[in-house]
Each structure stands twice: as C-alpha cells, then as structure tokens.
Amino acid sequence: MALDLVSYLLIVLVVVLHVVVLGFVLRKRPKSVAGKHVVVTGGSSGIGLWTAIHCFKRGANVTIVARNMQILAKAKEVIEKSRVNDEQKIHIKSLDLAKSYDVVEAGMKEIEDEMKLPIYMLVNCAGLAVCGLVEEVSVQDAKFMMDVNYYGTYYPTRYVLPKMKAAGQGIIVITSSQAALLGIYGYGPYAATKFALRGLAETIHMEASQAGVDVTLALPCDTDTPGFEREEKTKPQETKLISSSGGLVQPSVVAERLVDDALTGSFFSVYGLESWILSILCVGMAPWSGFYLNMLQIVLLSPLRLVSFFIRRNFNSIIRDCAKAKPKKD
C-alpha cells in the first residue's frame, strides 16, 4: 500500500514537472499595448497605480480613474517617471464609478475624447472591503460594497464591451480576490461581491472571446495597499489569523503579474503558491486555459482536495480557539 502511494506521488511529480516546463516553453507571446489606450480604475493607489506604471513602462497611453483629484495628481507624477517615449500620454479622471451607469457612461466617453483614442485595455481595480460577521456588517455597508465592487466594475465594463467587440480586439481585467474562491470568516458581504465578479468575468469570457476580446480575472492575495490598511481596522481576530497564513505581498509584483497574464490572454491571474492552489481547487467550469495548464489542474485536483481538508480544518481550529478566548455573554 505504501509503495503504491509512493509510486503515485512520483508519477504526479514527474507529470507536474513536465507540464510546468512545457507550459513555460509554450507560453503565449504577450500582446503589445505600446501606443494604445489603457484605462485603470482605482488607479490612484495600490494595485491599480502599479498596473498603470507597468502599462506605461510598456509604452501605453494611460488614463487612471478614481474619485480624489489630489491623489490622482500625485499618482500621475509617479507614473510619469516610467515614461519610455515623448509621445506617451497620461491622463487622470475623477469619476464616481458607483453612482449610476449614465454617469459612468458619460465619464468614459470623456476619457476617450480627451485621449483621442478608443480604450484598448480596461483594468478594473476599484474596490473596498468592510469586514465583520454577516449579521454585524450594516446593511448600508453591504450595499455600498456591492455598489463599488460589483457595479463599479460592471458599469465601465458594460461601456467598453460593445466597442471592443465591434473593433475585434480588446482586453478586460476584472480584479476580484481570493474571497471569490471560498467563503472566509468575517468576509461575508465582501465575499459576495467578489463571487459576483467571478460570475461576471466567466460570462463575459464566454460571450466575447469569439469577438477577439480577452478577459482576465485577477485574484490577488493580501496586498500591502492603503485599502488593505483600512480593511484591517474592521477585521475580526479570526479573519486576521486565517488570512495571515498567506503573508503580505507588495502591489508592484501583483500588478506586474496581472499585466503579464492579461497580455498573454490568461483567464486567471494569481500570485503566490496559496493563490495558485486555490485557483486549481476552485477551477470548476472556468474557461479552458490551454492544454498543459489544464492537464496540470487535472493531475493536481485530487491530491489538492485532500490538502484542502487540512487547510479548512486549521481554519476551523482558529475559529474555535478564538471563541474559547472570548468572554462568555451573560
């Protein structure tokens, strides 16, 4: 029995190594954004800012969108340092993406008119998190998260989608979260918005891929951003302990991976071993990601399902320990 298990693990290891090497060798060549128009929502800080920087480094004309003009102006100065030619343009736009579709539609038209270029790549990075138990997060906060995280992505995406289909080209990035892959203690209403974004991304991929439009779903882990700092203030202790196992990643590396994956047409964009494992465990009926990557998913899905049992068991242990440490209510 032990010999059979060892043989199985060796076979899995050999297959994985072959698939990884072949996947690297046969990886698609990235598309170019040089001279094209890239719009990044939530582009004044964090992953959005670094995404704009990486696109600007590749020769793109970039528009960053957020609400605060002062922060946008400072972000523009930072992005300017990555200029690669004199023809590049960097514009800023103050826009409340959660207001209404009519407001966003008018704002997106102004963005295209000001740049005098159609939008080739839309990167949706705007979002926020208010943590807490489902019954403790206020209804107002739950609705606000849905407005910002879901509708703040849906509105600009809805605007560019028919234009990209008509042009026969375009890239849409929807930035979700690991919370789109599994429900986590203290993330209830927030996770619901992120699950919704995954559904949106998969649907758009099915509807638009034949028209030449690529869709990438970014699933960043905990990232050292201003948004994460605000999120920490409302996290229950259980949530902090569960999420701390994955560590904290710099936004520059997450954004670089996001841009690379989007330009090579990958559906999932993940960074780090934990995110990669989760993306395999929760792949479901997600779009086909190429022969070799899908073979890797098939080989690893069964053993990783067993691994997930122990991960979940650890999470439950954390929750029980925290419950014991809390003072009992009279």
Protein backbone atom coordinates (compact mmCIF):
# COMPACT_ATOMS: atom_id res chain seq x y z
CA MET A 1 0.00 0.00 0.00
CA ALA A 2 2.81 2.39 0.96
CA LEU A 3 4.68 1.50 -2.23
CA ASP A 4 1.59 2.23 -4.33
CA LEU A 5 1.23 5.64 -2.68
CA VAL A 6 4.90 6.48 -3.28
CA SER A 7 4.60 5.39 -6.91
CA TYR A 8 1.50 7.53 -7.36
CA LEU A 9 3.22 10.58 -5.86
CA LEU A 10 6.29 10.06 -8.07
CA ILE A 11 4.11 9.85 -11.16
CA VAL A 12 2.28 13.02 -10.14
CA LEU A 13 5.61 14.79 -9.54
CA VAL A 14 7.01 13.77 -12.94
CA VAL A 15 3.83 14.86 -14.73
CA VAL A 16 3.78 18.18 -12.88
CA LEU A 17 7.42 18.91 -13.75
CA HIS A 18 6.84 18.10 -17.42
CA VAL A 19 3.71 20.23 -17.58
CA VAL A 20 5.38 23.17 -15.83
CA VAL A 21 8.36 23.09 -18.20
CA LEU A 22 6.19 22.71 -21.30
CA GLY A 23 3.82 25.41 -20.09
CA PHE A 24 6.73 27.80 -19.67
CA VAL A 25 8.22 26.97 -23.07
CA LEU A 26 4.89 27.19 -24.91
CA ARG A 27 3.58 30.25 -23.07
CA LYS A 28 1.84 32.70 -25.40
CA ARG A 29 3.71 35.76 -26.53
CA PRO A 30 2.28 38.85 -24.80
CA LYS A 31 0.28 41.38 -26.78
CA SER A 32 1.65 44.90 -27.05
CA VAL A 33 0.00 47.94 -25.51
CA ALA A 34 2.53 50.37 -27.00
CA GLY A 35 0.68 53.40 -28.34
CA LYS A 36 -2.67 52.01 -27.19
CA HIS A 37 -5.08 53.38 -24.60
CA VAL A 38 -5.21 51.64 -21.21
CA VAL A 39 -7.74 52.73 -18.58
CA VAL A 40 -7.19 51.72 -14.96
CA THR A 41 -9.97 52.29 -12.42
CA GLY A 42 -8.80 52.60 -8.84
CA GLY A 43 -5.56 53.76 -10.45
CA SER A 44 -4.51 56.31 -7.85
CA SER A 45 -3.04 53.80 -5.37
CA GLY A 46 -2.21 50.17 -4.67
CA ILE A 47 -2.51 47.53 -7.37
CA GLY A 48 -4.23 49.98 -9.73
CA LEU A 49 -1.39 52.51 -9.53
CA TRP A 50 1.25 49.86 -10.15
CA THR A 51 -0.77 48.41 -13.02
CA ALA A 52 -0.76 51.85 -14.63
CA ILE A 53 3.00 52.10 -14.08
CA HIS A 54 3.69 48.71 -15.68
CA CYS A 55 1.49 49.56 -18.68
CA PHE A 56 3.18 52.97 -19.05
CA LYS A 57 6.57 51.21 -19.00
CA ARG A 58 5.34 49.17 -21.97
CA GLY A 59 4.62 52.30 -23.98
CA ALA A 60 0.88 52.60 -23.37
CA ASN A 61 -1.15 55.79 -23.11
CA VAL A 62 -2.78 55.56 -19.69
CA THR A 63 -5.84 57.07 -18.03
CA ILE A 64 -6.21 56.48 -14.30
CA VAL A 65 -9.63 56.83 -12.70
CA ALA A 66 -10.53 57.49 -9.06
CA ARG A 67 -12.59 60.00 -7.09
CA ASN A 68 -9.97 62.19 -5.39
CA MET A 69 -8.30 64.61 -7.84
CA GLN A 70 -5.46 65.47 -5.45
CA ILE A 71 -4.46 61.83 -5.04
CA LEU A 72 -4.84 61.31 -8.80
CA ALA A 73 -2.50 64.24 -9.49
CA LYS A 74 0.15 62.77 -7.18
CA ALA A 75 -0.25 59.36 -8.81
CA LYS A 76 0.23 60.95 -12.24
CA GLU A 77 3.58 62.36 -11.12
CA VAL A 78 4.68 58.89 -10.00
CA ILE A 79 3.61 57.27 -13.29
CA GLU A 80 5.38 59.96 -15.33
CA LYS A 81 8.73 58.66 -14.02
CA SER A 82 8.19 55.48 -16.04
CA ARG A 83 7.84 57.26 -19.39
CA VAL A 84 9.58 55.49 -22.29
CA ASN A 85 8.89 57.97 -25.11
CA ASP A 86 7.80 61.57 -25.63
CA GLU A 87 4.57 60.62 -27.43
CA GLN A 88 3.04 58.88 -24.42
CA LYS A 89 0.11 60.49 -22.62
CA ILE A 90 -1.02 60.09 -19.03
CA HIS A 91 -4.46 61.45 -18.12
CA ILE A 92 -6.41 61.50 -14.87
CA LYS A 93 -10.17 61.37 -14.40
CA SER A 94 -12.26 61.94 -11.29
CA LEU A 95 -15.30 59.68 -11.54
CA ASP A 96 -17.65 58.01 -9.05
CA LEU A 97 -17.94 54.57 -10.61
CA ALA A 98 -20.73 53.50 -8.25
CA LYS A 99 -23.02 56.47 -8.97
CA SER A 100 -25.03 55.21 -11.94
CA TYR A 101 -24.47 53.83 -15.41
CA ASP A 102 -25.40 57.15 -17.03
CA VAL A 103 -22.72 58.96 -15.01
CA VAL A 104 -20.08 56.34 -15.80
CA GLU A 105 -21.03 56.21 -19.48
CA ALA A 106 -20.62 59.98 -19.80
CA GLY A 107 -17.31 59.85 -17.93
CA MET A 108 -15.93 57.04 -20.10
CA LYS A 109 -16.87 58.95 -23.26
CA GLU A 110 -14.96 61.96 -21.93
CA ILE A 111 -11.95 59.74 -21.22
CA GLU A 112 -11.87 58.55 -24.84
CA ASP A 113 -12.43 62.06 -26.21
CA GLU A 114 -9.65 63.56 -24.08
CA MET A 115 -7.15 60.85 -25.06
CA LYS A 116 -8.41 60.84 -28.68
CA LEU A 117 -8.04 57.06 -28.63
CA PRO A 118 -10.51 54.20 -28.07
CA ILE A 119 -9.98 52.12 -24.96
CA TYR A 120 -7.95 49.02 -25.85
CA MET A 121 -7.50 47.68 -22.32
CA LEU A 122 -9.70 48.25 -19.26
CA VAL A 123 -8.31 47.23 -15.88
CA ASN A 124 -10.92 47.31 -13.12
CA CYS A 125 -9.12 47.76 -9.79
CA ALA A 126 -11.56 49.93 -7.84
CA GLY A 127 -12.87 48.26 -4.70
CA LEU A 128 -13.07 48.20 -0.92
CA ALA A 129 -13.74 45.87 1.99
CA VAL A 130 -15.70 46.23 5.21
CA CYS A 131 -15.17 43.13 7.32
CA GLY A 132 -17.30 41.57 10.04
CA LEU A 133 -19.80 38.80 10.65
CA VAL A 134 -22.73 38.73 8.24
CA GLU A 135 -25.17 39.93 10.90
CA GLU A 136 -22.77 42.63 12.15
CA VAL A 137 -21.91 44.41 8.89
CA SER A 138 -24.53 47.10 8.40
CA VAL A 139 -26.96 46.80 5.52
CA GLN A 140 -25.70 50.18 4.30
CA ASP A 141 -22.08 48.95 4.21
CA ALA A 142 -23.10 45.72 2.46
CA LYS A 143 -24.94 47.69 -0.22
CA PHE A 144 -22.07 50.17 -0.56
CA MET A 145 -19.61 47.32 -1.17
CA MET A 146 -21.88 45.90 -3.86
CA ASP A 147 -22.18 49.33 -5.46
CA VAL A 148 -18.41 49.93 -5.51
CA ASN A 149 -17.02 46.43 -6.03
CA TYR A 150 -19.61 45.00 -8.43
CA TYR A 151 -21.35 47.90 -10.13
CA GLY A 152 -18.14 49.96 -10.10
CA THR A 153 -16.73 47.20 -12.32
CA TYR A 154 -19.88 46.34 -14.26
CA TYR A 155 -20.59 49.92 -15.43
CA PRO A 156 -17.24 50.67 -17.14
CA THR A 157 -17.04 47.11 -18.46
CA ARG A 158 -20.51 47.40 -19.97
CA TYR A 159 -19.42 50.60 -21.69
CA VAL A 160 -16.27 49.20 -23.34
CA LEU A 161 -17.59 45.73 -24.19
CA PRO A 162 -19.64 46.50 -27.33
CA LYS A 163 -16.91 48.82 -28.59
CA MET A 164 -14.25 46.15 -28.17
CA LYS A 165 -16.45 43.55 -29.85
CA ALA A 166 -17.01 45.87 -32.80
CA ALA A 167 -13.26 46.53 -33.05
CA GLY A 168 -12.47 42.81 -32.86
CA GLN A 169 -9.91 43.35 -30.12
CA GLY A 170 -9.57 44.42 -26.52
CA ILE A 171 -8.62 43.30 -23.04
CA ILE A 172 -10.78 43.46 -19.91
CA VAL A 173 -9.33 42.76 -16.48
CA ILE A 174 -11.68 42.22 -13.56
CA THR A 175 -9.88 42.38 -10.22
CA SER A 176 -11.58 40.17 -7.68
CA SER A 177 -9.95 38.44 -4.70
CA GLN A 178 -9.17 35.08 -3.14
CA ALA A 179 -12.52 35.67 -1.44
CA ALA A 180 -14.10 34.90 -4.83
CA LEU A 181 -12.92 31.30 -4.45
CA LEU A 182 -14.09 30.42 -0.94
CA GLY A 183 -16.16 31.94 1.82
CA ILE A 184 -13.98 33.14 4.71
CA TYR A 185 -14.98 34.01 8.26
CA GLY A 186 -15.59 37.75 8.53
CA TYR A 187 -15.77 38.36 4.78
CA GLY A 188 -19.45 37.54 4.13
CA PRO A 189 -20.89 40.60 2.31
CA TYR A 190 -17.47 41.40 0.80
CA ALA A 191 -17.03 37.84 -0.49
CA ALA A 192 -20.48 38.02 -2.09
CA THR A 193 -19.36 40.99 -4.21
CA LYS A 194 -16.22 39.13 -5.26
CA PHE A 195 -18.09 35.93 -6.13
CA ALA A 196 -20.33 38.11 -8.31
CA LEU A 197 -17.28 39.45 -10.15
CA ARG A 198 -16.11 35.94 -10.95
CA GLY A 199 -19.51 35.14 -12.43
CA LEU A 200 -19.36 38.33 -14.48
CA ALA A 201 -15.86 37.53 -15.77
CA GLU A 202 -16.74 33.97 -16.78
CA THR A 203 -19.90 35.12 -18.56
CA ILE A 204 -18.14 37.90 -20.47
CA HIS A 205 -15.40 35.46 -21.47
CA MET A 206 -18.00 33.12 -22.97
CA GLU A 207 -19.83 35.96 -24.71
CA ALA A 208 -16.86 37.94 -26.02
CA SER A 209 -13.92 35.62 -26.65
CA GLN A 210 -15.10 34.79 -30.18
CA ALA A 211 -15.12 38.51 -30.94
CA GLY A 212 -11.42 38.86 -30.09
CA VAL A 213 -11.87 40.23 -26.56
CA ASP A 214 -9.70 38.70 -23.82
CA VAL A 215 -10.90 38.57 -20.22
CA THR A 216 -8.67 38.10 -17.18
CA LEU A 217 -9.89 37.53 -13.63
CA ALA A 218 -7.27 38.73 -11.15
CA LEU A 219 -7.33 37.02 -7.75
CA PRO A 220 -4.77 38.84 -5.62
CA CYS A 221 -3.86 37.65 -2.15
CA ASP A 222 -3.43 40.10 0.76
CA THR A 223 -1.52 43.03 -0.71
CA ASP A 224 0.21 45.92 1.06
CA THR A 225 -2.06 48.75 -0.09
CA PRO A 226 -3.94 51.65 1.53
CA GLY A 227 -7.13 49.66 1.04
CA PHE A 228 -5.68 46.73 2.98
CA GLU A 229 -4.75 49.06 5.85
CA ARG A 230 -8.35 50.26 6.06
CA GLU A 231 -9.63 46.70 5.81
CA GLU A 232 -7.51 45.64 8.80
CA LYS A 233 -9.41 48.09 11.03
CA THR A 234 -12.67 46.14 10.68
CA LYS A 235 -11.33 42.56 10.55
CA PRO A 236 -12.34 40.17 13.33
CA GLN A 237 -9.39 38.47 15.05
CA GLU A 238 -10.36 35.16 13.43
CA THR A 239 -10.13 36.71 9.97
CA LYS A 240 -6.72 38.22 10.69
CA LEU A 241 -5.33 34.88 11.85
CA ILE A 242 -6.78 32.97 8.89
CA SER A 243 -5.57 35.44 6.26
CA SER A 244 -2.14 35.98 7.85
CA SER A 245 -1.03 32.49 6.77
CA GLY A 246 -0.57 33.76 3.22
CA GLY A 247 1.61 36.73 4.16
CA LEU A 248 1.52 40.20 2.63
CA VAL A 249 2.63 40.87 -0.94
CA GLN A 250 3.82 44.13 -2.50
CA PRO A 251 1.40 45.68 -5.03
CA SER A 252 4.15 46.10 -7.62
CA VAL A 253 4.64 42.35 -8.05
CA VAL A 254 0.91 41.60 -8.03
CA ALA A 255 0.34 44.26 -10.70
CA GLU A 256 3.22 43.01 -12.83
CA ARG A 257 1.77 39.50 -12.82
CA LEU A 258 -1.68 40.92 -13.60
CA VAL A 259 -0.38 42.79 -16.65
CA ASP A 260 1.64 39.80 -17.88
CA ASP A 261 -1.34 37.45 -17.55
CA ALA A 262 -3.74 39.88 -19.21
CA LEU A 263 -1.44 40.43 -22.19
CA THR A 264 -0.95 36.68 -22.68
CA GLY A 265 -4.69 36.01 -22.53
CA SER A 266 -4.72 34.03 -19.27
CA PHE A 267 -8.14 33.86 -17.62
CA PHE A 268 -6.89 33.54 -14.05
CA SER A 269 -4.19 35.85 -12.73
CA VAL A 270 -2.78 34.67 -9.42
CA TYR A 271 0.39 35.37 -7.47
CA GLY A 272 1.91 33.05 -4.89
CA LEU A 273 1.56 29.36 -4.07
CA GLU A 274 -1.55 29.75 -1.92
CA SER A 275 -3.46 31.61 -4.65
CA TRP A 276 -2.31 29.11 -7.26
CA ILE A 277 -3.54 26.17 -5.17
CA LEU A 278 -6.90 27.86 -4.57
CA SER A 279 -7.33 28.59 -8.29
CA ILE A 280 -6.85 24.89 -9.06
CA LEU A 281 -9.14 23.69 -6.26
CA CYS A 282 -11.90 26.09 -7.31
CA VAL A 283 -11.43 25.96 -11.09
CA GLY A 284 -14.87 24.39 -11.69
CA MET A 285 -16.15 25.25 -15.18
CA ALA A 286 -13.78 28.19 -15.63
CA PRO A 287 -12.55 28.88 -19.18
CA TRP A 288 -10.00 26.49 -20.69
CA SER A 289 -6.53 27.85 -20.04
CA GLY A 290 -4.52 25.86 -22.54
CA PHE A 291 -3.80 22.13 -22.79
CA TYR A 292 -0.82 21.90 -20.47
CA LEU A 293 -2.22 24.04 -17.66
CA ASN A 294 -5.47 22.11 -17.75
CA MET A 295 -3.59 18.79 -17.62
CA LEU A 296 -1.80 20.13 -14.55
CA GLN A 297 -5.15 21.01 -12.97
CA ILE A 298 -6.50 17.53 -13.70
CA VAL A 299 -3.48 15.83 -12.14
CA LEU A 300 -3.36 18.03 -9.03
CA LEU A 301 -7.06 18.47 -8.30
CA SER A 302 -7.48 15.16 -6.47
CA PRO A 303 -4.47 15.42 -4.10
CA LEU A 304 -5.11 19.12 -3.51
CA ARG A 305 -8.68 18.33 -2.47
CA LEU A 306 -7.17 16.29 0.35
CA VAL A 307 -4.83 19.16 1.22
CA SER A 308 -7.82 21.50 1.37
CA PHE A 309 -9.36 19.34 4.11
CA PHE A 310 -6.42 20.08 6.40
CA ILE A 311 -6.40 23.77 5.47
CA ARG A 312 -10.09 24.03 6.30
CA ARG A 313 -9.51 22.09 9.50
CA ASN A 314 -6.86 24.61 10.52
CA PHE A 315 -9.27 27.50 9.83
CA ASN A 316 -11.96 25.85 11.98
CA SER A 317 -9.42 25.32 14.75
CA ILE A 318 -8.58 29.04 14.72
CA ILE A 319 -12.27 29.93 14.96
CA ARG A 320 -12.81 27.53 17.90
CA ASP A 321 -9.76 28.85 19.77
CA CYS A 322 -10.91 32.45 19.32
CA ALA A 323 -14.40 31.53 20.52
CA LYS A 324 -12.95 29.97 23.68
CA ALA A 325 -10.86 33.08 24.36
CA LYS A 326 -13.84 35.43 24.17
CA PRO A 327 -15.64 36.32 27.40
CA LYS A 328 -18.95 34.50 27.70
CA LYS A 329 -22.07 36.62 27.40
CA ASP A 330 -24.48 36.56 30.32
